[in-house]
Amino acid sequence: MTVRKPPTHNAYCVVRQGRRAAGHWMEVGSASVADNGIDLKVYLPLIPVTGFDGHILLRPIDAVHEPFPSDPEEEEEDAVEMP
């Protein structure tokens, strides 16, 4: 039997009320560092049915919390796409 590791990160997603409305970040789950020490195991039991636009933010639980990004779609323009 494997021992479940305590979460090291909180998971948040953007929830929007309509297409043009600004979204807000909602806590939807947790994550922990995998056995290999590199990957993260993510558990998301609360993904919203409507208004979820695909953005997920993982923050360390013990980190100093800065304000959430205002609009994640603006960040997408600067992001590099993964293969």
PDB file of N, CA and C in Angstrom:
ATOM      1  N   MET A   1       0.846  -1.182   0.000  1.00  0.00           N
ATOM      2  CA  MET A   1       0.000   0.000   0.000  1.00  0.00           C
ATOM      3  C   MET A   1       0.889   1.242   0.000  1.00  0.00           C
ATOM      4  N   THR A   2       0.640   2.147  -0.922  1.00  0.00           N
ATOM      5  CA  THR A   2       1.421   3.378  -0.979  1.00  0.00           C
ATOM      6  C   THR A   2       0.840   4.406  -0.025  1.00  0.00           C
ATOM      7  N   VAL A   3       1.719   5.163   0.556  1.00  0.00           N
ATOM      8  CA  VAL A   3       1.304   6.211   1.470  1.00  0.00           C
ATOM      9  C   VAL A   3       1.056   7.472   0.658  1.00  0.00           C
ATOM     10  N   ARG A   4      -0.086   8.077   0.855  1.00  0.00           N
ATOM     11  CA  ARG A   4      -0.430   9.304   0.130  1.00  0.00           C
ATOM     12  C   ARG A   4       0.344  10.475   0.722  1.00  0.00           C
ATOM     13  N   LYS A   5       1.062  11.187  -0.142  1.00  0.00           N
ATOM     14  CA  LYS A   5       1.845  12.337   0.305  1.00  0.00           C
ATOM     15  C   LYS A   5       0.921  13.530   0.523  1.00  0.00           C
ATOM     16  N   PRO A   6       1.244  14.361   1.506  1.00  0.00           N
ATOM     17  CA  PRO A   6       0.419  15.562   1.706  1.00  0.00           C
ATOM     18  C   PRO A   6       0.603  16.520   0.529  1.00  0.00           C
ATOM     19  N   PRO A   7      -0.422  17.300   0.210  1.00  0.00           N
ATOM     20  CA  PRO A   7      -0.304  18.235  -0.915  1.00  0.00           C
ATOM     21  C   PRO A   7       0.736  19.313  -0.634  1.00  0.00           C
ATOM     22  N   THR A   8       1.437  19.705  -1.693  1.00  0.00           N
ATOM     23  CA  THR A   8       2.436  20.768  -1.597  1.00  0.00           C
ATOM     24  C   THR A   8       1.977  22.028  -2.322  1.00  0.00           C
ATOM     25  N   HIS A   9       0.946  21.904  -3.166  1.00  0.00           N
ATOM     26  CA  HIS A   9       0.439  23.026  -3.955  1.00  0.00           C
ATOM     27  C   HIS A   9      -1.085  23.060  -3.890  1.00  0.00           C
ATOM     28  N   ASN A  10      -1.654  24.246  -4.012  1.00  0.00           N
ATOM     29  CA  ASN A  10      -3.091  24.412  -4.216  1.00  0.00           C
ATOM     30  C   ASN A  10      -3.316  24.637  -5.705  1.00  0.00           C
ATOM     31  N   ALA A  11      -4.420  24.134  -6.214  1.00  0.00           N
ATOM     32  CA  ALA A  11      -4.764  24.299  -7.627  1.00  0.00           C
ATOM     33  C   ALA A  11      -5.952  25.250  -7.743  1.00  0.00           C
ATOM     34  N   TYR A  12      -5.843  26.187  -8.677  1.00  0.00           N
ATOM     35  CA  TYR A  12      -6.893  27.172  -8.919  1.00  0.00           C
ATOM     36  C   TYR A  12      -7.234  27.165 -10.409  1.00  0.00           C
ATOM     37  N   CYS A  13      -8.467  27.492 -10.751  1.00  0.00           N
ATOM     38  CA  CYS A  13      -8.840  27.648 -12.153  1.00  0.00           C
ATOM     39  C   CYS A  13      -9.646  28.926 -12.312  1.00  0.00           C
ATOM     40  N   VAL A  14      -9.730  29.387 -13.551  1.00  0.00           N
ATOM     41  CA  VAL A  14     -10.485  30.597 -13.858  1.00  0.00           C
ATOM     42  C   VAL A  14     -11.929  30.213 -14.159  1.00  0.00           C
ATOM     43  N   VAL A  15     -12.857  30.913 -13.544  1.00  0.00           N
ATOM     44  CA  VAL A  15     -14.282  30.721 -13.799  1.00  0.00           C
ATOM     45  C   VAL A  15     -14.818  32.030 -14.352  1.00  0.00           C
ATOM     46  N   ARG A  16     -15.485  31.964 -15.493  1.00  0.00           N
ATOM     47  CA  ARG A  16     -16.033  33.156 -16.139  1.00  0.00           C
ATOM     48  C   ARG A  16     -17.558  33.115 -16.117  1.00  0.00           C
ATOM     49  N   GLN A  17     -18.163  34.285 -16.009  1.00  0.00           N
ATOM     50  CA  GLN A  17     -19.612  34.441 -16.082  1.00  0.00           C
ATOM     51  C   GLN A  17     -19.933  35.117 -17.408  1.00  0.00           C
ATOM     52  N   GLY A  18     -19.927  34.371 -18.481  1.00  0.00           N
ATOM     53  CA  GLY A  18     -20.158  34.940 -19.802  1.00  0.00           C
ATOM     54  C   GLY A  18     -18.867  35.041 -20.576  1.00  0.00           C
ATOM     55  N   ARG A  19     -19.009  35.268 -21.862  1.00  0.00           N
ATOM     56  CA  ARG A  19     -17.843  35.253 -22.753  1.00  0.00           C
ATOM     57  C   ARG A  19     -16.903  36.429 -22.540  1.00  0.00           C
ATOM     58  N   ARG A  20     -17.426  37.602 -22.316  1.00  0.00           N
ATOM     59  CA  ARG A  20     -16.583  38.795 -22.200  1.00  0.00           C
ATOM     60  C   ARG A  20     -16.312  39.199 -20.751  1.00  0.00           C
ATOM     61  N   ALA A  21     -16.986  38.582 -19.823  1.00  0.00           N
ATOM     62  CA  ALA A  21     -16.819  38.965 -18.421  1.00  0.00           C
ATOM     63  C   ALA A  21     -15.457  38.532 -17.902  1.00  0.00           C
ATOM     64  N   ALA A  22     -14.913  39.338 -17.019  1.00  0.00           N
ATOM     65  CA  ALA A  22     -13.647  38.968 -16.385  1.00  0.00           C
ATOM     66  C   ALA A  22     -13.887  37.767 -15.483  1.00  0.00           C
ATOM     67  N   GLY A  23     -12.940  36.887 -15.455  1.00  0.00           N
ATOM     68  CA  GLY A  23     -13.071  35.698 -14.623  1.00  0.00           C
ATOM     69  C   GLY A  23     -12.469  35.915 -13.248  1.00  0.00           C
ATOM     70  N   HIS A  24     -12.727  34.962 -12.375  1.00  0.00           N
ATOM     71  CA  HIS A  24     -12.109  34.992 -11.053  1.00  0.00           C
ATOM     72  C   HIS A  24     -11.492  33.620 -10.783  1.00  0.00           C
ATOM     73  N   TRP A  25     -10.452  33.581  -9.958  1.00  0.00           N
ATOM     74  CA  TRP A  25      -9.759  32.347  -9.638  1.00  0.00           C
ATOM     75  C   TRP A  25     -10.485  31.643  -8.501  1.00  0.00           C
ATOM     76  N   MET A  26     -10.696  30.340  -8.653  1.00  0.00           N
ATOM     77  CA  MET A  26     -11.386  29.536  -7.650  1.00  0.00           C
ATOM     78  C   MET A  26     -10.505  28.331  -7.312  1.00  0.00           C
ATOM     79  N   GLU A  27     -10.356  28.026  -6.020  1.00  0.00           N
ATOM     80  CA  GLU A  27      -9.577  26.856  -5.626  1.00  0.00           C
ATOM     81  C   GLU A  27     -10.347  25.595  -5.995  1.00  0.00           C
ATOM     82  N   VAL A  28      -9.697  24.684  -6.732  1.00  0.00           N
ATOM     83  CA  VAL A  28     -10.383  23.494  -7.226  1.00  0.00           C
ATOM     84  C   VAL A  28      -9.706  22.186  -6.838  1.00  0.00           C
ATOM     85  N   GLY A  29      -8.549  22.247  -6.198  1.00  0.00           N
ATOM     86  CA  GLY A  29      -7.889  20.999  -5.850  1.00  0.00           C
ATOM     87  C   GLY A  29      -6.512  21.221  -5.272  1.00  0.00           C
ATOM     88  N   SER A  30      -5.689  20.189  -5.410  1.00  0.00           N
ATOM     89  CA  SER A  30      -4.349  20.235  -4.836  1.00  0.00           C
ATOM     90  C   SER A  30      -3.382  19.443  -5.701  1.00  0.00           C
ATOM     91  N   ALA A  31      -2.104  19.570  -5.377  1.00  0.00           N
ATOM     92  CA  ALA A  31      -1.066  18.837  -6.101  1.00  0.00           C
ATOM     93  C   ALA A  31       0.045  18.500  -5.122  1.00  0.00           C
ATOM     94  N   SER A  32       0.788  17.449  -5.443  1.00  0.00           N
ATOM     95  CA  SER A  32       1.951  17.081  -4.639  1.00  0.00           C
ATOM     96  C   SER A  32       3.067  16.649  -5.580  1.00  0.00           C
ATOM     97  N   VAL A  33       4.277  16.716  -5.084  1.00  0.00           N
ATOM     98  CA  VAL A  33       5.432  16.328  -5.884  1.00  0.00           C
ATOM     99  C   VAL A  33       5.438  14.812  -6.030  1.00  0.00           C
ATOM    100  N   ALA A  34       5.657  14.346  -7.253  1.00  0.00           N
ATOM    101  CA  ALA A  34       5.669  12.907  -7.535  1.00  0.00           C
ATOM    102  C   ALA A  34       6.925  12.260  -6.962  1.00  0.00           C
ATOM    103  N   ASP A  35       6.957  10.946  -6.981  1.00  0.00           N
ATOM    104  CA  ASP A  35       8.080  10.191  -6.430  1.00  0.00           C
ATOM    105  C   ASP A  35       9.410  10.519  -7.098  1.00  0.00           C
ATOM    106  N   ASN A  36       9.384  10.909  -8.379  1.00  0.00           N
ATOM    107  CA  ASN A  36      10.641  11.213  -9.071  1.00  0.00           C
ATOM    108  C   ASN A  36      11.200  12.585  -8.698  1.00  0.00           C
ATOM    109  N   GLY A  37      10.456  13.381  -7.937  1.00  0.00           N
ATOM    110  CA  GLY A  37      10.928  14.673  -7.482  1.00  0.00           C
ATOM    111  C   GLY A  37      10.823  15.790  -8.505  1.00  0.00           C
ATOM    112  N   ILE A  38      10.338  15.500  -9.694  1.00  0.00           N
ATOM    113  CA  ILE A  38      10.251  16.495 -10.765  1.00  0.00           C
ATOM    114  C   ILE A  38       8.794  16.808 -11.110  1.00  0.00           C
ATOM    115  N   ASP A  39       8.019  15.765 -11.340  1.00  0.00           N
ATOM    116  CA  ASP A  39       6.631  15.930 -11.767  1.00  0.00           C
ATOM    117  C   ASP A  39       5.718  16.274 -10.599  1.00  0.00           C
ATOM    118  N   LEU A  40       4.517  16.749 -10.946  1.00  0.00           N
ATOM    119  CA  LEU A  40       3.484  17.015  -9.959  1.00  0.00           C
ATOM    120  C   LEU A  40       2.293  16.106 -10.218  1.00  0.00           C
ATOM    121  N   LYS A  41       1.726  15.564  -9.157  1.00  0.00           N
ATOM    122  CA  LYS A  41       0.469  14.822  -9.250  1.00  0.00           C
ATOM    123  C   LYS A  41      -0.627  15.798  -8.875  1.00  0.00           C
ATOM    124  N   VAL A  42      -1.610  15.964  -9.738  1.00  0.00           N
ATOM    125  CA  VAL A  42      -2.661  16.958  -9.532  1.00  0.00           C
ATOM    126  C   VAL A  42      -3.990  16.257  -9.307  1.00  0.00           C
ATOM    127  N   TYR A  43      -4.725  16.689  -8.301  1.00  0.00           N
ATOM    128  CA  TYR A  43      -6.047  16.167  -7.981  1.00  0.00           C
ATOM    129  C   TYR A  43      -7.027  17.331  -8.050  1.00  0.00           C
ATOM    130  N   LEU A  44      -7.981  17.259  -8.988  1.00  0.00           N
ATOM    131  CA  LEU A  44      -8.938  18.349  -9.219  1.00  0.00           C
ATOM    132  C   LEU A  44     -10.371  17.845  -9.057  1.00  0.00           C
ATOM    133  N   PRO A  45     -10.880  17.767  -7.842  1.00  0.00           N
ATOM    134  CA  PRO A  45     -12.242  17.275  -7.652  1.00  0.00           C
ATOM    135  C   PRO A  45     -13.333  18.309  -7.929  1.00  0.00           C
ATOM    136  N   LEU A  46     -12.983  19.576  -8.124  1.00  0.00           N
ATOM    137  CA  LEU A  46     -13.992  20.635  -8.233  1.00  0.00           C
ATOM    138  C   LEU A  46     -13.955  21.426  -9.531  1.00  0.00           C
ATOM    139  N   ILE A  47     -13.629  20.829 -10.659  1.00  0.00           N
ATOM    140  CA  ILE A  47     -13.629  21.568 -11.925  1.00  0.00           C
ATOM    141  C   ILE A  47     -15.052  22.043 -12.220  1.00  0.00           C
ATOM    142  N   PRO A  48     -15.246  23.339 -12.450  1.00  0.00           N
ATOM    143  CA  PRO A  48     -16.592  23.848 -12.726  1.00  0.00           C
ATOM    144  C   PRO A  48     -17.140  23.321 -14.052  1.00  0.00           C
ATOM    145  N   VAL A  49     -18.439  23.126 -14.096  1.00  0.00           N
ATOM    146  CA  VAL A  49     -19.088  22.627 -15.310  1.00  0.00           C
ATOM    147  C   VAL A  49     -19.203  23.733 -16.347  1.00  0.00           C
ATOM    148  N   THR A  50     -19.549  24.937 -15.916  1.00  0.00           N
ATOM    149  CA  THR A  50     -19.660  26.059 -16.849  1.00  0.00           C
ATOM    150  C   THR A  50     -18.685  27.148 -16.444  1.00  0.00           C
ATOM    151  N   GLY A  51     -18.197  27.883 -17.411  1.00  0.00           N
ATOM    152  CA  GLY A  51     -17.321  29.008 -17.148  1.00  0.00           C
ATOM    153  C   GLY A  51     -15.854  28.646 -17.049  1.00  0.00           C
ATOM    154  N   PHE A  52     -15.490  27.365 -17.109  1.00  0.00           N
ATOM    155  CA  PHE A  52     -14.088  26.962 -17.025  1.00  0.00           C
ATOM    156  C   PHE A  52     -13.446  27.166 -18.383  1.00  0.00           C
ATOM    157  N   ASP A  53     -12.342  27.936 -18.406  1.00  0.00           N
ATOM    158  CA  ASP A  53     -11.719  28.242 -19.695  1.00  0.00           C
ATOM    159  C   ASP A  53     -10.398  27.501 -19.916  1.00  0.00           C
ATOM    160  N   GLY A  54     -10.070  26.545 -19.064  1.00  0.00           N
ATOM    161  CA  GLY A  54      -8.881  25.731 -19.274  1.00  0.00           C
ATOM    162  C   GLY A  54      -7.647  26.176 -18.530  1.00  0.00           C
ATOM    163  N   HIS A  55      -7.651  27.344 -17.916  1.00  0.00           N
ATOM    164  CA  HIS A  55      -6.487  27.833 -17.195  1.00  0.00           C
ATOM    165  C   HIS A  55      -6.444  27.224 -15.790  1.00  0.00           C
ATOM    166  N   ILE A  56      -5.288  26.667 -15.438  1.00  0.00           N
ATOM    167  CA  ILE A  56      -5.070  26.118 -14.101  1.00  0.00           C
ATOM    168  C   ILE A  56      -3.779  26.718 -13.564  1.00  0.00           C
ATOM    169  N   LEU A  57      -3.821  27.161 -12.324  1.00  0.00           N
ATOM    170  CA  LEU A  57      -2.666  27.748 -11.656  1.00  0.00           C
ATOM    171  C   LEU A  57      -2.324  26.883 -10.449  1.00  0.00           C
ATOM    172  N   LEU A  58      -1.050  26.476 -10.325  1.00  0.00           N
ATOM    173  CA  LEU A  58      -0.581  25.718  -9.165  1.00  0.00           C
ATOM    174  C   LEU A  58       0.310  26.630  -8.340  1.00  0.00           C
ATOM    175  N   ARG A  59      -0.024  26.784  -7.054  1.00  0.00           N
ATOM    176  CA  ARG A  59       0.764  27.626  -6.154  1.00  0.00           C
ATOM    177  C   ARG A  59       1.209  26.800  -4.956  1.00  0.00           C
ATOM    178  N   PRO A  60       2.485  26.928  -4.575  1.00  0.00           N
ATOM    179  CA  PRO A  60       2.932  26.237  -3.362  1.00  0.00           C
ATOM    180  C   PRO A  60       2.105  26.689  -2.159  1.00  0.00           C
ATOM    181  N   ILE A  61       1.768  25.752  -1.307  1.00  0.00           N
ATOM    182  CA  ILE A  61       0.928  26.054  -0.150  1.00  0.00           C
ATOM    183  C   ILE A  61       1.604  27.051   0.783  1.00  0.00           C
ATOM    184  N   ASP A  62       2.899  26.910   0.976  1.00  0.00           N
ATOM    185  CA  ASP A  62       3.596  27.763   1.944  1.00  0.00           C
ATOM    186  C   ASP A  62       4.195  29.035   1.330  1.00  0.00           C
ATOM    187  N   ALA A  63       3.876  29.332   0.078  1.00  0.00           N
ATOM    188  CA  ALA A  63       4.435  30.506  -0.589  1.00  0.00           C
ATOM    189  C   ALA A  63       3.735  31.781  -0.125  1.00  0.00           C
ATOM    190  N   VAL A  64       4.458  32.894  -0.223  1.00  0.00           N
ATOM    191  CA  VAL A  64       3.850  34.195   0.036  1.00  0.00           C
ATOM    192  C   VAL A  64       2.911  34.463  -1.130  1.00  0.00           C
ATOM    193  N   HIS A  65       1.651  34.688  -0.824  1.00  0.00           N
ATOM    194  CA  HIS A  65       0.658  34.806  -1.879  1.00  0.00           C
ATOM    195  C   HIS A  65       0.639  36.200  -2.478  1.00  0.00           C
ATOM    196  N   GLU A  66       0.922  36.247  -3.757  1.00  0.00           N
ATOM    197  CA  GLU A  66       0.810  37.475  -4.523  1.00  0.00           C
ATOM    198  C   GLU A  66      -0.585  37.498  -5.140  1.00  0.00           C
ATOM    199  N   PRO A  67      -1.036  38.632  -5.621  1.00  0.00           N
ATOM    200  CA  PRO A  67      -2.355  38.679  -6.268  1.00  0.00           C
ATOM    201  C   PRO A  67      -2.391  37.740  -7.476  1.00  0.00           C
ATOM    202  N   PHE A  68      -3.560  37.208  -7.736  1.00  0.00           N
ATOM    203  CA  PHE A  68      -3.721  36.343  -8.896  1.00  0.00           C
ATOM    204  C   PHE A  68      -3.572  37.164 -10.168  1.00  0.00           C
ATOM    205  N   PRO A  69      -3.128  36.543 -11.256  1.00  0.00           N
ATOM    206  CA  PRO A  69      -3.082  37.256 -12.539  1.00  0.00           C
ATOM    207  C   PRO A  69      -4.475  37.777 -12.879  1.00  0.00           C
ATOM    208  N   SER A  70      -4.541  38.970 -13.451  1.00  0.00           N
ATOM    209  CA  SER A  70      -5.848  39.572 -13.722  1.00  0.00           C
ATOM    210  C   SER A  70      -6.568  38.915 -14.885  1.00  0.00           C
ATOM    211  N   ASP A  71      -5.867  38.608 -15.948  1.00  0.00           N
ATOM    212  CA  ASP A  71      -6.501  37.978 -17.103  1.00  0.00           C
ATOM    213  C   ASP A  71      -5.535  36.971 -17.711  1.00  0.00           C
ATOM    214  N   PRO A  72      -5.755  35.684 -17.476  1.00  0.00           N
ATOM    215  CA  PRO A  72      -4.822  34.683 -17.985  1.00  0.00           C
ATOM    216  C   PRO A  72      -4.732  34.635 -19.503  1.00  0.00           C
ATOM    217  N   GLU A  73      -5.719  35.128 -20.216  1.00  0.00           N
ATOM    218  CA  GLU A  73      -5.647  35.095 -21.670  1.00  0.00           C
ATOM    219  C   GLU A  73      -4.592  36.061 -22.183  1.00  0.00           C
ATOM    220  N   GLU A  74      -4.287  37.128 -21.439  1.00  0.00           N
ATOM    221  CA  GLU A  74      -3.210  38.027 -21.824  1.00  0.00           C
ATOM    222  C   GLU A  74      -1.867  37.331 -21.699  1.00  0.00           C
ATOM    223  N   GLU A  75      -1.721  36.474 -20.693  1.00  0.00           N
ATOM    224  CA  GLU A  75      -0.485  35.727 -20.494  1.00  0.00           C
ATOM    225  C   GLU A  75      -0.267  34.719 -21.613  1.00  0.00           C
ATOM    226  N   GLU A  76      -1.347  34.200 -22.198  1.00  0.00           N
ATOM    227  CA  GLU A  76      -1.245  33.191 -23.256  1.00  0.00           C
ATOM    228  C   GLU A  76      -0.503  33.723 -24.463  1.00  0.00           C
ATOM    229  N   GLU A  77      -0.640  35.004 -24.726  1.00  0.00           N
ATOM    230  CA  GLU A  77       0.027  35.589 -25.890  1.00  0.00           C
ATOM    231  C   GLU A  77       1.537  35.506 -25.758  1.00  0.00           C
ATOM    232  N   ASP A  78       2.051  35.571 -24.525  1.00  0.00           N
ATOM    233  CA  ASP A  78       3.480  35.512 -24.281  1.00  0.00           C
ATOM    234  C   ASP A  78       3.988  34.086 -24.048  1.00  0.00           C
ATOM    235  N   ALA A  79       3.091  33.157 -23.832  1.00  0.00           N
ATOM    236  CA  ALA A  79       3.485  31.780 -23.484  1.00  0.00           C
ATOM    237  C   ALA A  79       3.995  31.034 -24.709  1.00  0.00           C
ATOM    238  N   VAL A  80       4.858  30.089 -24.448  1.00  0.00           N
ATOM    239  CA  VAL A  80       5.368  29.217 -25.497  1.00  0.00           C
ATOM    240  C   VAL A  80       4.536  27.949 -25.479  1.00  0.00           C
ATOM    241  N   GLU A  81       4.077  27.528 -26.637  1.00  0.00           N
ATOM    242  CA  GLU A  81       3.261  26.327 -26.709  1.00  0.00           C
ATOM    243  C   GLU A  81       4.120  25.097 -26.567  1.00  0.00           C
ATOM    244  N   MET A  82       3.593  24.118 -25.834  1.00  0.00           N
ATOM    245  CA  MET A  82       4.300  22.866 -25.618  1.00  0.00           C
ATOM    246  C   MET A  82       3.990  21.897 -26.762  1.00  0.00           C
ATOM    247  N   PRO A  83       4.948  21.065 -27.134  1.00  0.00           N
ATOM    248  CA  PRO A  83       4.699  20.119 -28.236  1.00  0.00           C
ATOM    249  C   PRO A  83       3.697  19.058 -27.874  1.00  0.00           C
TER     250      PRO A  83
END
